[in-house]
Amino acid sequence: MKAATAEQRKEKLRKLKAAVETHGDEIVAAVKKDTRKPEGEIRITELLNVTANIERNISHLDEWMKPVEVVPSQNKIDKARIVYEARGVCLILGPWNFPLGLVLGPVAAAVAAGNCCIVKLTDLCPATARVAAKIIKQTFDEREVALFEGGVDVATALLDLPFNHIFFTGSTRVGKLVMAAAAKHLATVTLELGGKSPVIVDEDADVKMVAGDLAGAKQFNAGQACICPDYVFVKEQQKNGLVEEFRAKVKQNLYRDDGSIKKESIAQIVNDQNFDRIKKLFDDAVAKGARIAVGGTLEQADRTIHPTMLTDVTPDMLIMQEEIFGPVVPVLTYKNINDVIDYIASRAKPLALYMYSNNQDNIDKVLSRTSSGGVTINGFFSHYLENQLPFGGVNQSGMGSYHGVFGFKAFSHERAIYIQQTR
C-alpha cells in the first residue's frame, strides 16, 4: 500500500464508500440492535458522517500527498522537501459508543495515507462488527485491511504484535494500557480519549439557549459521547432559570402527554456495568446532598436513564471526579470567573471545553488560562464537526489528532529529504 499512487488509494476509498452505502440498512439495523439508538442518530453518525469522511479523503488526497518544497537556509542551491510516507502496518481499535463511525473514519485516513491495517471493533456491539467485517472483506484484500472479531483477549493479543502505529478510541484507563503496549515496540500512537468536559455559563449568556443545547447534547446517544458536556458552572442567579428551561426542553423532546418517556428517542446505556457505574455516581451525589432538580429516574430493566440535572453539587462527590458518560448533568454555582478557571486548570485536561458568553474579555481569559483538546464558544460539538480543525485531546484526554488532513498526517511519517548539489 505504501507505494500506491493517489489514484489507487482513491479507488480503494471509492469501493469502501460504495460498500457502506450498499449495506446502509444493515448497518442501521445492526447498530440499533446493539445500542437501541434512534434511527436518525444512526443514519447521521454511522452512515452520512462515514461516507462524507471517505469522500473528503478522496477529494483532497492529491493535494495532501504533494511533497512540500523547502528552500535550504544554509545553501540556497541545494534542494529539500518533505514527503508524506505511510507509517506501515496500523492497528485501529474502536469504541462502543459509535461502533462503525469511529472505526471507518480512521480506516479511511489510514488507507488514504497508504497504510495496511488490522481493525478490531468492540465486542459490545457484535451485530455491528459482523456488518463491518462484511464491508471490509468486500472492499479490501486481507493483506491491505483485515478485521478481527472477538473480546478483550483478541485485543490484548493484537497489542502484543509489533505494529508501526496504533490508533485507539476509548477510555483513559484503557488508553494507558494501549500506550504501554505500544512502548514495547516503540510504535507511535493516536489516543482519542475523553475526560470531564466543562461548560461555563457567563452572566450575560442566554440561559434558555444553554438549557436547550444541553438537553439536546444529553439526549444524543444518551450522553455517551467523549465530547459530551460533563458538568456546568453557572451564576447562582441563573441556576433556577437553567433548571426550568432544561426541564421544559427535555419534556418537549422526550416525553409523551401521559409523562412516559419515548424510549425510541433515546439510546440505552450500553451494558449493565456502565449502568451500574452511572448509578453509583448518581447515588453517591444524592447521598452527599445533591438535589435532583430534573429527572432522576434510572430504569435498570432496560438500562434507560432519563435526562437528569443535579444541583447543590460539590467537588468531593464522585460524580465530579469521574467522567459520567451518561445523560446526567451536575450543576455548580460560582461567583467569580477566576474561581472557575482555577478549578478547571487544577484538574486533568478535558477533551472539550464549552463556554457561553458574549464577553470577549472573559472568553480570552478562559482560553489563555485553561487547556483542553478543543473549544466551542456558544454551542456544543462544533469544533468536532468542523473538519478543517484537528480533533483530539491533550495529556489525559488523548494524544494526537485527526479529521481531514490531520487524519492523513496522523497516519503519515513526514520524511525529510535533503539533496546536496555536487556541481
Protein backbone atom coordinates (compact mmCIF):
# COMPACT_ATOMS: atom_id res chain seq x y z
CA MET A 1 0.00 0.00 0.00
CA LYS A 2 2.87 2.41 0.75
CA ALA A 3 3.85 2.69 -2.92
CA ALA A 4 0.24 3.07 -4.09
CA THR A 5 -0.47 6.12 -6.18
CA ALA A 6 -3.09 8.67 -5.25
CA GLU A 7 -5.47 7.19 -7.82
CA GLN A 8 -5.00 3.66 -6.49
CA ARG A 9 -5.72 4.82 -2.95
CA LYS A 10 -8.76 6.80 -4.10
CA GLU A 11 -10.12 3.74 -5.86
CA LYS A 12 -9.94 1.74 -2.62
CA LEU A 13 -11.75 4.56 -0.84
CA ARG A 14 -14.45 4.67 -3.52
CA LYS A 15 -15.02 0.95 -3.02
CA LEU A 16 -15.26 1.47 0.74
CA LYS A 17 -17.79 4.26 0.33
CA ALA A 18 -19.87 2.17 -2.08
CA ALA A 19 -19.87 -0.78 0.32
CA VAL A 20 -21.05 1.39 3.22
CA GLU A 21 -23.86 2.78 1.07
CA THR A 22 -24.84 -0.69 -0.17
CA HIS A 23 -25.08 -2.06 3.37
CA GLY A 24 -26.71 1.07 4.82
CA ASP A 25 -29.89 -0.60 6.02
CA GLU A 26 -27.91 -3.48 7.53
CA ILE A 27 -25.73 -1.00 9.39
CA VAL A 28 -28.75 0.79 10.82
CA ALA A 29 -30.37 -2.47 11.92
CA ALA A 30 -27.14 -3.76 13.49
CA VAL A 31 -26.33 -0.60 15.43
CA LYS A 32 -29.95 -0.34 16.58
CA LYS A 33 -29.82 -3.93 17.82
CA ASP A 34 -26.56 -3.31 19.68
CA THR A 35 -27.39 0.12 21.17
CA ARG A 36 -31.11 0.96 20.77
CA LYS A 37 -30.11 4.30 19.29
CA PRO A 38 -32.75 6.32 17.44
CA GLU A 39 -32.55 5.57 13.71
CA GLY A 40 -31.98 9.22 12.82
CA GLU A 41 -28.88 9.34 15.00
CA ILE A 42 -27.55 6.15 13.44
CA ARG A 43 -28.00 7.39 9.88
CA ILE A 44 -26.13 10.61 10.68
CA THR A 45 -23.24 9.22 12.75
CA GLU A 46 -22.74 5.77 11.21
CA LEU A 47 -23.67 6.42 7.56
CA LEU A 48 -23.70 10.05 6.42
CA ASN A 49 -20.71 11.07 8.52
CA VAL A 50 -18.75 7.98 7.40
CA THR A 51 -19.38 8.49 3.69
CA ALA A 52 -18.67 12.23 3.99
CA ASN A 53 -15.32 11.47 5.66
CA ILE A 54 -14.38 9.00 2.92
CA GLU A 55 -15.37 11.47 0.21
CA ARG A 56 -13.30 14.20 1.87
CA ASN A 57 -10.23 11.96 1.70
CA ILE A 58 -10.89 11.21 -1.97
CA SER A 59 -11.40 14.87 -2.88
CA HIS A 60 -8.27 16.19 -1.18
CA LEU A 61 -5.81 13.31 -1.47
CA ASP A 62 -3.84 14.69 -4.45
CA GLU A 63 -3.27 17.93 -2.54
CA TRP A 64 -2.35 16.17 0.73
CA MET A 65 0.17 13.83 -0.94
CA LYS A 66 2.12 16.61 -2.67
CA PRO A 67 5.69 16.97 -1.36
CA VAL A 68 6.34 20.23 0.46
CA GLU A 69 9.28 22.01 -1.18
CA VAL A 70 11.68 23.72 1.22
CA VAL A 71 14.36 26.30 0.36
CA PRO A 72 17.50 25.33 2.31
CA SER A 73 18.57 28.01 4.77
CA GLN A 74 22.33 27.29 4.58
CA ASN A 75 22.94 26.63 0.90
CA LYS A 76 20.37 28.07 -1.48
CA ILE A 77 21.45 25.93 -4.43
CA ASP A 78 20.67 22.68 -2.62
CA LYS A 79 17.17 21.20 -2.62
CA ALA A 80 14.96 19.94 0.19
CA ARG A 81 11.46 18.67 0.60
CA ILE A 82 9.10 16.93 2.99
CA VAL A 83 7.30 13.83 1.71
CA TYR A 84 4.46 12.03 3.39
CA GLU A 85 5.06 8.30 3.60
CA ALA A 86 2.85 5.64 5.16
CA ARG A 87 3.67 4.64 8.73
CA GLY A 88 3.30 0.96 7.76
CA VAL A 89 1.03 -1.58 9.42
CA CYS A 90 -1.51 0.06 11.73
CA LEU A 91 -3.83 -1.26 14.42
CA ILE A 92 -7.19 0.51 14.77
CA LEU A 93 -9.15 -0.23 17.95
CA GLY A 94 -12.71 1.10 18.00
CA PRO A 95 -15.13 2.08 20.80
CA TRP A 96 -18.71 1.03 21.50
CA ASN A 97 -20.44 4.41 21.55
CA PHE A 98 -20.16 4.99 17.77
CA PRO A 99 -19.04 1.50 16.76
CA LEU A 100 -18.77 1.95 12.99
CA GLY A 101 -18.23 5.69 12.52
CA LEU A 102 -15.25 5.87 14.86
CA VAL A 103 -13.61 2.90 13.13
CA LEU A 104 -14.19 3.56 9.43
CA GLY A 105 -13.16 7.22 9.83
CA PRO A 106 -9.63 6.23 10.92
CA VAL A 107 -9.58 3.39 8.35
CA ALA A 108 -10.28 5.89 5.56
CA ALA A 109 -7.48 8.15 6.80
CA ALA A 110 -5.05 5.22 7.10
CA VAL A 111 -5.82 3.98 3.58
CA ALA A 112 -5.50 7.50 2.19
CA ALA A 113 -2.03 7.67 3.72
CA GLY A 114 -1.06 4.32 2.15
CA ASN A 115 -1.07 2.07 5.20
CA CYS A 116 -2.15 -1.52 5.79
CA CYS A 117 -4.49 -2.01 8.76
CA ILE A 118 -5.81 -4.51 11.22
CA VAL A 119 -9.15 -3.40 12.65
CA LYS A 120 -10.79 -4.52 15.89
CA LEU A 121 -14.33 -3.41 16.75
CA THR A 122 -15.63 -3.61 20.30
CA ASP A 123 -17.15 -6.91 21.42
CA LEU A 124 -20.03 -4.92 22.98
CA CYS A 125 -21.51 -4.38 19.51
CA PRO A 126 -21.35 -7.85 17.88
CA ALA A 127 -24.04 -7.23 15.24
CA THR A 128 -22.22 -4.10 14.04
CA ALA A 129 -18.90 -5.97 13.99
CA ARG A 130 -20.39 -8.60 11.70
CA VAL A 131 -21.61 -6.00 9.21
CA ALA A 132 -18.26 -4.19 9.38
CA ALA A 133 -16.46 -7.49 8.64
CA LYS A 134 -18.64 -7.98 5.57
CA ILE A 135 -17.91 -4.44 4.32
CA ILE A 136 -14.16 -4.73 4.83
CA LYS A 137 -13.92 -8.19 3.26
CA GLN A 138 -15.81 -6.97 0.19
CA THR A 139 -13.65 -3.85 -0.13
CA PHE A 140 -10.08 -4.87 0.66
CA ASP A 141 -7.66 -7.71 0.16
CA GLU A 142 -6.98 -9.04 3.67
CA ARG A 143 -3.30 -8.12 3.22
CA GLU A 144 -4.46 -4.48 2.97
CA VAL A 145 -7.16 -4.24 5.64
CA ALA A 146 -8.29 -7.13 7.86
CA LEU A 147 -10.93 -7.11 10.59
CA PHE A 148 -10.74 -9.23 13.75
CA GLU A 149 -13.79 -10.04 15.85
CA GLY A 150 -13.71 -11.18 19.46
CA GLY A 151 -13.32 -9.94 23.01
CA VAL A 152 -10.66 -8.41 25.21
CA ASP A 153 -8.40 -11.43 24.72
CA VAL A 154 -8.23 -10.74 20.97
CA ALA A 155 -7.43 -7.06 21.54
CA THR A 156 -4.75 -8.00 24.07
CA ALA A 157 -3.16 -10.46 21.65
CA LEU A 158 -3.14 -7.85 18.90
CA LEU A 159 -1.45 -5.33 21.19
CA ASP A 160 1.44 -7.76 21.64
CA LEU A 161 2.26 -7.50 17.93
CA PRO A 162 4.86 -5.04 16.55
CA PHE A 163 2.64 -2.51 14.78
CA ASN A 164 4.07 0.69 13.34
CA HIS A 165 1.15 2.80 14.60
CA ILE A 166 -1.82 2.23 16.92
CA PHE A 167 -5.00 4.32 16.75
CA PHE A 168 -7.22 3.86 19.80
CA THR A 169 -10.55 5.46 20.71
CA GLY A 170 -11.87 4.77 24.20
CA SER A 171 -11.33 5.43 27.88
CA THR A 172 -8.31 7.00 29.51
CA ARG A 173 -7.81 3.84 31.59
CA VAL A 174 -7.53 1.58 28.54
CA GLY A 175 -5.58 4.27 26.68
CA LYS A 176 -2.79 3.89 29.24
CA LEU A 177 -2.69 0.14 28.57
CA VAL A 178 -2.53 0.75 24.80
CA MET A 179 0.30 3.24 25.21
CA ALA A 180 2.23 0.83 27.43
CA ALA A 181 1.83 -1.94 24.84
CA ALA A 182 2.94 0.40 22.04
CA ALA A 183 6.04 1.36 24.03
CA LYS A 184 7.32 -2.24 23.87
CA HIS A 185 7.76 -1.87 20.11
CA LEU A 186 8.23 1.93 20.06
CA ALA A 187 5.08 2.23 17.96
CA THR A 188 3.59 5.67 17.52
CA VAL A 189 0.06 6.18 18.88
CA THR A 190 -3.02 8.28 18.39
CA LEU A 191 -5.17 8.14 21.52
CA GLU A 192 -8.69 9.59 21.35
CA LEU A 193 -9.83 9.53 24.97
CA GLY A 194 -12.23 11.68 27.00
CA GLY A 195 -12.47 13.38 30.37
CA LYS A 196 -14.74 15.78 32.20
CA SER A 197 -15.64 18.46 29.68
CA PRO A 198 -16.86 21.59 31.49
CA VAL A 199 -19.48 24.15 30.48
CA ILE A 200 -19.06 27.73 31.66
CA VAL A 201 -22.19 29.91 31.56
CA ASP A 202 -21.22 33.58 31.75
CA GLU A 203 -23.61 36.02 33.40
CA ASP A 204 -24.59 37.58 30.04
CA ALA A 205 -25.40 34.22 28.39
CA ASP A 206 -28.85 33.25 27.08
CA VAL A 207 -29.81 30.63 29.67
CA LYS A 208 -32.71 29.35 27.55
CA MET A 209 -30.33 28.64 24.67
CA VAL A 210 -27.84 26.95 27.01
CA ALA A 211 -30.54 24.72 28.50
CA GLY A 212 -31.89 23.75 25.07
CA ASP A 213 -28.43 22.89 23.78
CA LEU A 214 -27.65 20.96 26.97
CA ALA A 215 -30.85 18.91 26.75
CA GLY A 216 -30.07 18.01 23.15
CA ALA A 217 -26.46 17.10 23.99
CA LYS A 218 -27.51 14.81 26.85
CA GLN A 219 -30.20 13.17 24.70
CA PHE A 220 -27.70 12.49 21.89
CA ASN A 221 -26.61 8.86 22.35
CA ALA A 222 -27.83 9.20 25.98
CA GLY A 223 -24.79 11.33 26.76
CA GLN A 224 -22.41 8.53 25.75
CA ALA A 225 -20.04 10.68 23.72
CA CYS A 226 -16.46 11.63 24.53
CA ILE A 227 -17.16 15.34 23.87
CA CYS A 228 -20.47 15.42 25.73
CA PRO A 229 -20.67 18.28 28.26
CA ASP A 230 -19.96 16.71 31.65
CA TYR A 231 -20.73 19.44 34.18
CA VAL A 232 -21.88 23.07 34.24
CA PHE A 233 -20.75 26.20 36.08
CA VAL A 234 -23.47 28.87 36.33
CA LYS A 235 -24.05 32.00 38.41
CA GLU A 236 -26.38 31.45 41.39
CA GLN A 237 -28.96 33.87 39.98
CA GLN A 238 -29.08 31.89 36.71
CA LYS A 239 -29.42 28.43 38.26
CA ASN A 240 -33.21 28.29 38.63
CA GLY A 241 -33.71 29.53 35.08
CA LEU A 242 -31.32 26.88 33.74
CA VAL A 243 -33.16 24.15 35.65
CA GLU A 244 -36.61 25.23 34.47
CA GLU A 245 -35.58 25.62 30.83
CA PHE A 246 -33.75 22.27 30.87
CA ARG A 247 -36.83 20.57 32.32
CA ALA A 248 -39.10 22.14 29.68
CA LYS A 249 -36.81 21.18 26.79
CA VAL A 250 -36.39 17.57 27.98
CA LYS A 251 -40.16 17.27 28.34
CA GLN A 252 -40.66 18.63 24.85
CA ASN A 253 -38.03 16.33 23.33
CA LEU A 254 -38.62 13.05 25.13
CA TYR A 255 -41.94 12.75 26.95
CA ARG A 256 -45.48 11.92 25.87
CA ASP A 257 -48.56 13.67 27.25
CA ASP A 258 -49.00 10.90 29.84
CA GLY A 259 -45.50 11.52 31.19
CA SER A 260 -43.91 8.36 29.81
CA ILE A 261 -40.56 8.61 28.06
CA LYS A 262 -40.24 7.97 24.32
CA LYS A 263 -37.64 5.23 24.57
CA GLU A 264 -37.29 5.12 20.81
CA SER A 265 -35.84 8.63 21.06
CA ILE A 266 -33.01 7.90 23.49
CA ALA A 267 -30.27 5.27 23.43
CA GLN A 268 -29.79 2.68 26.14
CA ILE A 269 -26.79 2.69 28.41
CA VAL A 270 -24.56 0.19 26.62
CA ASN A 271 -24.44 -2.57 29.28
CA ASP A 272 -25.19 -3.37 32.93
CA GLN A 273 -21.66 -2.49 34.02
CA ASN A 274 -21.92 1.06 32.68
CA PHE A 275 -25.47 1.48 34.00
CA ASP A 276 -24.28 0.44 37.47
CA ARG A 277 -21.29 2.79 37.20
CA ILE A 278 -23.51 5.81 36.43
CA LYS A 279 -26.00 4.82 39.16
CA LYS A 280 -23.14 4.65 41.66
CA LEU A 281 -22.10 8.22 40.75
CA PHE A 282 -25.72 9.38 40.98
CA ASP A 283 -26.41 7.66 44.31
CA ASP A 284 -23.19 8.99 45.85
CA ALA A 285 -24.05 12.57 44.82
CA VAL A 286 -27.57 12.35 46.25
CA ALA A 287 -26.29 10.78 49.47
CA LYS A 288 -23.85 13.67 49.88
CA GLY A 289 -26.52 16.34 49.44
CA ALA A 290 -27.04 16.87 45.71
CA ARG A 291 -30.62 17.79 44.78
CA ILE A 292 -32.43 16.05 41.91
CA ALA A 293 -33.67 19.13 40.05
CA VAL A 294 -34.80 17.31 36.87
CA GLY A 295 -35.30 13.62 36.10
CA GLY A 296 -33.67 11.13 38.44
CA THR A 297 -35.37 8.02 37.04
CA LEU A 298 -32.95 5.17 36.33
CA GLU A 299 -34.62 2.07 34.84
CA GLN A 300 -32.37 -0.93 35.44
CA ALA A 301 -34.58 -3.37 33.50
CA ASP A 302 -33.78 -1.90 30.08
CA ARG A 303 -30.85 0.36 31.04
CA THR A 304 -32.72 3.63 30.42
CA ILE A 305 -31.62 6.74 32.31
CA HIS A 306 -33.94 9.72 31.99
CA PRO A 307 -32.11 13.03 31.37
CA THR A 308 -31.21 14.24 34.85
CA MET A 309 -29.94 17.51 36.30
CA LEU A 310 -28.38 17.68 39.76
CA THR A 311 -27.86 20.91 41.71
CA ASP A 312 -26.11 21.63 45.04
CA VAL A 313 -23.21 19.57 43.72
CA THR A 314 -19.81 19.78 45.43
CA PRO A 315 -16.32 18.80 44.19
CA ASP A 316 -15.95 15.98 46.72
CA MET A 317 -18.73 13.95 45.09
CA LEU A 318 -17.68 11.04 42.85
CA ILE A 319 -19.73 12.49 40.01
CA MET A 320 -17.30 15.41 39.92
CA GLN A 321 -14.25 13.15 39.88
CA GLU A 322 -15.10 10.64 37.15
CA GLU A 323 -16.33 11.09 33.59
CA ILE A 324 -20.11 10.48 33.64
CA PHE A 325 -20.66 9.26 30.07
CA GLY A 326 -24.43 9.33 30.51
CA PRO A 327 -27.46 11.67 30.48
CA VAL A 328 -26.78 13.18 33.92
CA VAL A 329 -25.52 16.75 34.31
CA PRO A 330 -24.24 18.20 37.61
CA VAL A 331 -24.57 21.96 38.11
CA LEU A 332 -22.23 24.04 40.27
CA THR A 333 -22.53 27.74 41.00
CA TYR A 334 -19.77 30.34 41.05
CA LYS A 335 -19.26 33.97 41.99
CA ASN A 336 -16.13 34.88 40.04
CA ILE A 337 -14.92 33.62 36.66
CA ASN A 338 -11.40 33.30 38.10
CA ASP A 339 -12.64 30.63 40.51
CA VAL A 340 -14.00 28.59 37.59
CA ILE A 341 -10.73 28.95 35.69
CA ASP A 342 -8.72 27.83 38.72
CA TYR A 343 -11.00 24.80 39.19
CA ILE A 344 -10.62 23.66 35.57
CA ALA A 345 -6.89 24.41 35.35
CA SER A 346 -6.11 22.41 38.51
CA ARG A 347 -7.62 19.21 37.10
CA ALA A 348 -6.95 16.80 34.23
CA LYS A 349 -7.16 18.47 30.83
CA PRO A 350 -10.55 17.71 29.23
CA LEU A 351 -11.24 16.72 25.64
CA ALA A 352 -13.61 19.65 25.17
CA LEU A 353 -14.35 22.95 26.87
CA TYR A 354 -17.57 24.87 26.29
CA MET A 355 -18.37 28.47 27.17
CA TYR A 356 -21.48 30.54 26.63
CA SER A 357 -20.55 34.20 26.73
CA ASN A 358 -20.65 37.48 24.82
CA ASN A 359 -17.91 38.98 26.97
CA GLN A 360 -14.71 38.80 24.91
CA ASP A 361 -12.52 39.64 27.88
CA ASN A 362 -13.89 36.66 29.82
CA ILE A 363 -13.61 34.39 26.78
CA ASP A 364 -9.98 35.41 26.29
CA LYS A 365 -9.27 34.89 29.98
CA VAL A 366 -10.66 31.34 29.90
CA LEU A 367 -8.84 30.44 26.68
CA SER A 368 -5.49 31.78 27.89
CA ARG A 369 -5.57 30.16 31.34
CA THR A 370 -7.04 26.72 30.62
CA SER A 371 -6.11 23.83 28.34
CA SER A 372 -8.34 21.32 26.51
CA GLY A 373 -8.38 19.26 23.35
CA GLY A 374 -10.78 21.70 21.68
CA VAL A 375 -13.18 24.53 22.44
CA THR A 376 -16.62 25.60 21.26
CA ILE A 377 -17.95 29.01 22.25
CA ASN A 378 -21.75 29.46 22.43
CA GLY A 379 -22.60 25.92 21.39
CA PHE A 380 -21.67 22.25 21.66
CA PHE A 381 -19.67 19.92 19.39
CA SER A 382 -18.87 22.47 16.64
CA HIS A 383 -15.10 22.12 16.96
CA TYR A 384 -15.58 18.37 16.36
CA LEU A 385 -17.86 18.83 13.35
CA GLU A 386 -15.52 21.27 11.55
CA ASN A 387 -13.20 19.00 9.58
CA GLN A 388 -10.72 21.78 8.83
CA LEU A 389 -9.83 21.72 12.54
CA PRO A 390 -7.77 18.99 14.22
CA PHE A 391 -9.75 16.87 16.65
CA GLY A 392 -8.01 15.25 19.58
CA GLY A 393 -7.17 15.51 23.24
CA VAL A 394 -4.21 16.60 25.32
CA ASN A 395 -2.47 14.57 28.04
CA GLN A 396 -5.21 12.74 29.99
CA SER A 397 -7.79 13.34 27.24
CA GLY A 398 -5.66 12.00 24.42
CA MET A 399 -2.63 12.27 22.19
CA GLY A 400 -2.51 13.26 18.55
CA SER A 401 -5.40 14.39 16.37
CA TYR A 402 -7.28 13.54 13.21
CA HIS A 403 -10.13 14.64 10.87
CA GLY A 404 -9.48 15.86 7.35
CA VAL A 405 -5.84 16.49 6.54
CA PHE A 406 -4.97 15.90 10.20
CA GLY A 407 -6.11 12.29 9.85
CA PHE A 408 -3.91 11.85 6.80
CA LYS A 409 -0.98 13.27 8.76
CA ALA A 410 -1.73 11.09 11.81
CA PHE A 411 -1.15 8.02 9.65
CA SER A 412 1.85 9.51 7.81
CA HIS A 413 5.52 10.00 8.57
CA GLU A 414 6.84 13.38 7.45
CA ARG A 415 10.10 12.34 5.85
CA ALA A 416 12.79 14.97 5.40
CA ILE A 417 14.80 14.74 2.17
CA TYR A 418 17.85 16.94 1.53
CA ILE A 419 19.73 16.88 -1.80
CA GLN A 420 23.15 18.47 -1.91
CA GLN A 421 24.28 19.79 -5.27
CA THR A 422 27.57 18.21 -6.36
CA ARG A 423 28.34 20.81 -9.05
